[in-house]
Protein backbone atom coordinates (compact mmCIF):
# COMPACT_ATOMS: atom_id res chain seq x y z
CA UNK A 1 -18.70 102.09 12.82
CA UNK A 2 -21.10 104.94 11.94
CA UNK A 3 -23.83 104.52 9.37
CA UNK A 4 -22.13 106.92 7.03
CA UNK A 5 -18.83 105.03 7.20
CA UNK A 6 -20.55 101.72 6.49
CA UNK A 7 -22.32 103.18 3.45
CA UNK A 8 -19.06 104.53 2.13
CA UNK A 9 -17.37 101.13 2.70
CA UNK A 10 -20.11 99.32 0.78
CA UNK A 11 -19.82 101.79 -2.08
CA UNK A 12 -16.06 101.36 -2.16
CA UNK A 13 -15.37 105.02 -1.25
CA UNK A 14 -12.64 106.27 1.00
CA UNK A 15 -13.55 106.81 4.63
CA UNK A 16 -14.44 110.30 5.85
CA UNK A 17 -11.76 112.49 7.36
CA UNK A 18 -12.24 112.78 11.11
CA UNK A 19 -10.30 114.45 13.82
CA UNK A 20 -7.72 112.44 15.69
CA UNK A 21 -9.71 112.60 18.96
CA UNK A 22 -12.87 111.52 17.19
CA UNK A 23 -11.00 108.64 15.49
CA UNK A 24 -9.91 107.27 18.86
CA UNK A 25 -13.47 107.38 20.16
CA UNK A 26 -14.78 105.61 17.04
CA UNK A 27 -12.15 102.83 17.31
CA UNK A 28 -12.95 102.25 21.00
CA UNK A 29 -16.68 102.06 20.23
CA UNK A 30 -16.02 99.58 17.41
CA UNK A 31 -14.04 97.30 19.72
CA UNK A 32 -16.80 97.30 22.32
CA UNK A 33 -19.44 96.45 19.70
CA UNK A 34 -17.36 93.58 18.35
CA UNK A 35 -16.83 92.23 21.85
CA UNK A 36 -20.54 92.35 22.58
CA UNK A 37 -21.48 90.65 19.31
CA UNK A 38 -18.84 87.77 19.62
CA UNK A 39 -20.52 84.44 20.76
CA UNK A 40 -19.19 83.06 23.99
CA UNK A 41 -17.51 79.57 23.78
CA UNK A 42 -16.43 78.78 27.34
CA UNK A 43 -16.93 75.02 27.07
CA UNK A 44 -14.80 74.71 23.99
CA UNK A 45 -12.00 76.71 25.61
CA UNK A 46 -12.20 74.59 28.75
CA UNK A 47 -12.10 71.42 26.71
CA UNK A 48 -9.10 72.58 24.76
CA UNK A 49 -7.29 73.77 27.88
CA UNK A 50 -8.04 70.61 29.90
CA UNK A 51 -7.25 68.15 27.16
CA UNK A 52 -3.94 66.40 27.68
CA UNK A 53 -1.41 67.16 25.01
CA UNK A 54 -0.71 64.29 22.62
CA UNK A 55 2.95 63.41 22.55
CA UNK A 56 4.45 63.11 19.16
CA UNK A 57 5.88 59.68 18.23
CA UNK A 58 9.63 59.69 18.50
CA UNK A 59 11.49 59.45 15.29
CA UNK A 60 13.16 56.07 14.66
CA UNK A 61 16.78 55.95 15.62
CA UNK A 62 18.92 54.32 12.98
CA UNK A 63 21.44 51.90 14.45
CA UNK A 64 24.96 51.55 13.19
CA UNK A 65 25.46 48.72 10.75
CA UNK A 66 27.55 46.83 13.35
CA UNK A 67 24.61 46.79 15.82
CA UNK A 68 21.89 45.81 13.34
CA UNK A 69 20.55 42.24 13.79
CA UNK A 70 21.62 39.87 11.07
CA UNK A 71 18.84 38.82 8.68
CA UNK A 72 17.54 35.25 9.14
CA UNK A 73 19.58 32.66 7.29
CA UNK A 74 17.62 30.41 4.91
CA UNK A 75 19.24 26.98 4.85
CA UNK A 76 18.59 24.95 1.70
CA UNK A 77 19.20 21.28 2.53
CA UNK A 78 21.36 19.35 0.15
CA UNK A 79 20.00 16.23 -1.57
CA UNK A 80 22.03 14.06 0.79
CA UNK A 81 20.65 15.75 3.90
CA UNK A 82 17.10 15.59 2.53
CA UNK A 83 17.49 11.90 1.92
CA UNK A 84 18.74 11.44 5.48
CA UNK A 85 15.76 13.32 6.91
CA UNK A 86 13.11 11.67 4.77
CA UNK A 87 11.69 8.36 6.02
CA UNK A 88 13.50 5.53 4.36
CA UNK A 89 11.68 2.56 2.88
CA UNK A 90 12.45 -0.49 4.94
CA UNK A 91 13.70 -3.30 2.78
CA UNK A 92 12.57 -6.57 4.24
CA UNK A 93 15.18 -9.31 4.25
CA UNK A 94 14.55 -12.41 2.23
CA UNK A 95 12.58 -15.20 3.88
CA UNK A 96 15.22 -17.05 5.85
CA UNK A 97 13.13 -20.21 5.97
CA UNK A 98 12.63 -20.30 2.20
CA UNK A 99 16.33 -19.65 1.64
CA UNK A 100 17.27 -22.47 3.99
CA UNK A 101 14.82 -24.91 2.37
CA UNK A 102 16.20 -24.04 -1.06
CA UNK A 103 19.55 -25.52 0.01
CA UNK A 104 18.28 -28.85 1.43
CA UNK A 105 18.97 -32.22 -0.17
CA UNK A 106 16.34 -34.95 -0.45
CA UNK A 107 16.81 -36.49 2.98
CA UNK A 108 17.04 -33.12 4.72
CA UNK A 109 13.89 -32.00 2.92
CA UNK A 110 12.01 -35.05 4.18
CA UNK A 111 13.13 -34.27 7.73
CA UNK A 112 12.08 -30.65 7.28
CA UNK A 113 8.57 -31.70 6.27
CA UNK A 114 8.26 -34.22 9.11
CA UNK A 115 9.16 -31.60 11.73
CA UNK A 116 7.41 -28.61 10.14
CA UNK A 117 5.53 -26.25 12.46
CA UNK A 118 5.26 -23.29 10.08
CA UNK A 119 1.46 -23.07 10.32
CA UNK A 120 -1.33 -24.22 12.63
CA UNK A 121 -1.92 -27.45 10.70
CA UNK A 122 0.89 -28.99 12.73
CA UNK A 123 -1.48 -29.08 15.74
CA UNK A 124 -4.25 -31.07 14.04
CA UNK A 125 -2.36 -33.49 11.80
CA UNK A 126 -1.65 -37.12 12.56
CA UNK A 127 1.47 -37.07 10.42
CA UNK A 128 2.88 -35.19 7.47
CA UNK A 129 2.53 -36.44 3.89
CA UNK A 130 5.79 -35.87 2.04
CA UNK A 131 4.94 -37.76 -1.16
CA UNK A 132 5.57 -41.13 -2.70
CA UNK A 133 7.35 -42.45 -5.77
CA UNK A 134 10.66 -42.23 -7.55
CA UNK A 135 12.81 -39.25 -6.44
CA UNK A 136 14.14 -39.10 -10.04
CA UNK A 137 10.68 -39.43 -11.58
CA UNK A 138 10.01 -38.07 -15.06
CA UNK A 139 6.35 -37.36 -14.33
CA UNK A 140 5.37 -35.39 -11.23
CA UNK A 141 1.74 -35.40 -10.15
CA UNK A 142 0.79 -32.58 -7.79
CA UNK A 143 -2.46 -32.75 -5.83
CA UNK A 144 -4.01 -30.34 -3.37
CA UNK A 145 -3.89 -31.59 0.24
CA UNK A 146 -4.03 -34.87 2.19
CA UNK A 147 -7.43 -36.22 3.20
CA UNK A 148 -8.37 -38.26 6.27
CA UNK A 149 -6.96 -41.54 4.89
CA UNK A 150 -3.74 -39.87 3.70
CA UNK A 151 -3.31 -38.30 7.14
CA UNK A 152 -3.50 -41.77 8.74
CA UNK A 153 -1.15 -43.52 6.34
CA UNK A 154 1.25 -40.69 5.46
CA UNK A 155 0.88 -41.26 1.71
CA UNK A 156 -0.98 -39.17 -0.90
CA UNK A 157 -3.92 -40.43 -2.95
CA UNK A 158 -4.67 -43.66 -1.05
CA UNK A 159 -8.47 -43.45 -0.72
CA UNK A 160 -11.11 -43.71 -3.41
CA UNK A 161 -9.58 -40.78 -5.25
CA UNK A 162 -6.20 -42.52 -5.12
CA UNK A 163 -7.63 -45.67 -6.75
CA UNK A 164 -9.08 -43.56 -9.54
CA UNK A 165 -5.72 -41.85 -10.04
CA UNK A 166 -3.99 -45.24 -10.29
CA UNK A 167 -6.50 -46.30 -12.96
CA UNK A 168 -5.88 -43.06 -14.86
CA UNK A 169 -2.13 -43.70 -14.82
CA UNK A 170 -2.61 -47.27 -15.98
CA UNK A 171 -4.65 -45.94 -18.92
CA UNK A 172 -1.52 -44.15 -20.22
CA UNK A 173 0.83 -47.02 -19.37
CA UNK A 174 2.23 -45.43 -16.21
CA UNK A 175 2.33 -46.62 -12.63
CA UNK A 176 2.80 -45.11 -9.22
CA UNK A 177 6.36 -45.53 -7.94
CA UNK A 178 8.10 -46.14 -11.30
CA UNK A 179 8.47 -43.06 -13.50
CA UNK A 180 5.94 -41.16 -11.39
CA UNK A 181 6.20 -39.22 -8.14
CA UNK A 182 3.03 -38.03 -6.38
CA UNK A 183 3.03 -35.03 -4.01
CA UNK A 184 0.62 -32.46 -2.64
CA UNK A 185 0.75 -28.69 -2.30
CA UNK A 186 0.02 -29.05 1.44
CA UNK A 187 1.94 -31.59 3.47
CA UNK A 188 -0.64 -31.66 6.30
CA UNK A 189 -4.36 -32.34 6.25
CA UNK A 190 -6.66 -29.33 6.81
CA UNK A 191 -9.23 -30.15 9.52
CA UNK A 192 -12.48 -31.46 8.08
CA UNK A 193 -10.90 -31.62 4.62
CA UNK A 194 -11.60 -27.89 4.22
CA UNK A 195 -9.93 -25.84 1.51
CA UNK A 196 -6.36 -24.69 2.20
CA UNK A 197 -5.91 -21.09 3.32
CA UNK A 198 -3.63 -18.62 1.62
CA UNK A 199 -1.21 -18.71 4.57
CA UNK A 200 -1.05 -22.50 4.55
CA UNK A 201 -0.30 -22.61 0.84
CA UNK A 202 2.37 -19.93 1.26
CA UNK A 203 4.09 -21.86 4.07
CA UNK A 204 4.14 -25.11 2.10
CA UNK A 205 5.10 -23.58 -1.26
CA UNK A 206 8.89 -23.59 -0.58
CA UNK A 207 8.72 -27.32 0.26
CA UNK A 208 6.96 -28.18 -3.00
CA UNK A 209 9.30 -25.93 -4.94
CA UNK A 210 12.33 -27.71 -3.51
CA UNK A 211 10.79 -31.10 -4.33
CA UNK A 212 10.40 -30.06 -7.95
CA UNK A 213 13.97 -28.75 -8.10
CA UNK A 214 15.35 -32.02 -6.74
CA UNK A 215 13.14 -34.35 -8.82
CA UNK A 216 13.65 -32.42 -12.07
CA UNK A 217 10.61 -33.95 -13.81
CA UNK A 218 10.09 -33.74 -17.56
CA UNK A 219 6.41 -32.89 -17.14
CA UNK A 220 4.07 -31.93 -14.30
CA UNK A 221 0.45 -33.04 -14.04
CA UNK A 222 -1.43 -30.57 -11.80
CA UNK A 223 -4.60 -32.09 -10.37
CA UNK A 224 -7.21 -29.81 -8.80
CA UNK A 225 -7.76 -26.08 -8.46
CA UNK A 226 -5.33 -25.34 -5.62
CA UNK A 227 -2.50 -27.28 -7.21
CA UNK A 228 -3.03 -25.53 -10.53
CA UNK A 229 -3.30 -22.06 -9.03
CA UNK A 230 -0.20 -22.58 -6.88
CA UNK A 231 2.00 -23.78 -9.74
CA UNK A 232 0.74 -21.36 -12.39
CA UNK A 233 0.16 -18.42 -10.01
CA UNK A 234 -3.30 -17.72 -11.38
CA UNK A 235 -6.85 -17.64 -10.11
CA UNK A 236 -8.39 -18.78 -13.39
CA UNK A 237 -10.81 -21.74 -13.15
CA UNK A 238 -9.71 -25.23 -14.14
CA UNK A 239 -12.05 -25.29 -17.13
CA UNK A 240 -10.34 -22.24 -18.64
CA UNK A 241 -6.85 -23.74 -18.25
CA UNK A 242 -7.49 -27.25 -19.54
CA UNK A 243 -6.42 -28.37 -23.01
CA UNK A 244 -3.24 -26.28 -23.04
CA UNK A 245 0.34 -26.87 -21.99
CA UNK A 246 1.54 -24.35 -19.41
CA UNK A 247 4.99 -23.74 -17.94
CA UNK A 248 6.46 -23.87 -14.46
CA UNK A 249 10.08 -22.69 -14.60
CA UNK A 250 10.50 -24.15 -18.10
CA UNK A 251 8.80 -27.43 -17.12
CA UNK A 252 5.64 -28.26 -19.12
CA UNK A 253 2.48 -28.40 -17.00
CA UNK A 254 -0.74 -30.16 -17.96
CA UNK A 255 -3.79 -29.49 -15.77
CA UNK A 256 -6.93 -31.48 -15.04
CA UNK A 257 -9.68 -32.03 -12.49
CA UNK A 258 -8.93 -33.65 -9.14
CA UNK A 259 -9.92 -37.36 -8.91
CA UNK A 260 -12.16 -36.56 -5.91
CA UNK A 261 -14.04 -34.09 -8.11
CA UNK A 262 -14.38 -36.68 -10.87
CA UNK A 263 -15.98 -39.12 -8.42
CA UNK A 264 -18.73 -36.56 -7.84
CA UNK A 265 -18.98 -35.42 -11.46
CA UNK A 266 -18.80 -38.53 -13.64
CA UNK A 267 -19.51 -36.79 -16.99
CA UNK A 268 -16.24 -34.84 -16.61
CA UNK A 269 -14.24 -38.08 -16.74
CA UNK A 270 -14.25 -37.78 -20.53
CA UNK A 271 -12.55 -34.38 -20.18
CA UNK A 272 -10.01 -35.87 -17.77
CA UNK A 273 -9.25 -38.61 -20.30
CA UNK A 274 -8.40 -35.96 -22.89
CA UNK A 275 -6.15 -34.30 -20.32
CA UNK A 276 -4.34 -37.62 -19.82
CA UNK A 277 -3.79 -37.94 -23.55
CA UNK A 278 -2.30 -34.43 -23.57
CA UNK A 279 -0.05 -35.43 -20.66
CA UNK A 280 1.15 -38.51 -22.53
CA UNK A 281 1.82 -36.57 -25.74
CA UNK A 282 3.70 -33.84 -23.87
CA UNK A 283 5.81 -36.43 -22.06
CA UNK A 284 6.79 -38.04 -25.35
CA UNK A 285 7.74 -34.68 -26.78
CA UNK A 286 10.12 -34.20 -23.85
CA UNK A 287 11.98 -37.38 -24.95
């Protein structure tokens, strides 16, 4: 474009009138100038031409309703099916041995004790100690376990502790073998006269329970910690339980120290004497 034409364009004036031949020459010159002034971009063109075309993602094809997959079915279990799938609590059957012992008569119970192998004490005993006295006794004395002398003779309370117990009974006008029956929680001697274990007490408990059911005493005199705890189902000390009348299945229970303990603790004999007086008074109240 000529200088004059550019000035007129800037000023907003109409272009000059030129001849048709001159106009063609001017247009050709303008095209050449524009071509010379245009920056070359060969690399960009090559890159665009050599680049692989990106394929457009195909449009999703909608399937007929008959060919569409069914939605997943959510199954809600019924209470009955849930209960069947959940782990069930196993209900243990009743102790068959205890149930059988509960149906024994006096003679069968004696045979049961003599042949008992329910715990390991059967391997160390000389013989069992069932008890001694009147099977229809009105006073039942329950001790803890046989000692060495009881294990030899098969009778409870026959050593020094047994002599003291006889003197205690005489003091309240009672006597072994008349209105009194004497038994132990354990029917076998623990080795070394050690304390009974929980398992040993549990195995012998049905035997003592059946003895009480058959004797039907009017009052029970529990002598010693293990006898008291077994009958009253408590772990309270003897000193906290003395001086009161307790209950074992509606049978009055009076508690006191074991005679073997009294031989080692002479001052507590006065307490045991008061326990005997409570035993005597309770027995009279029972008629």
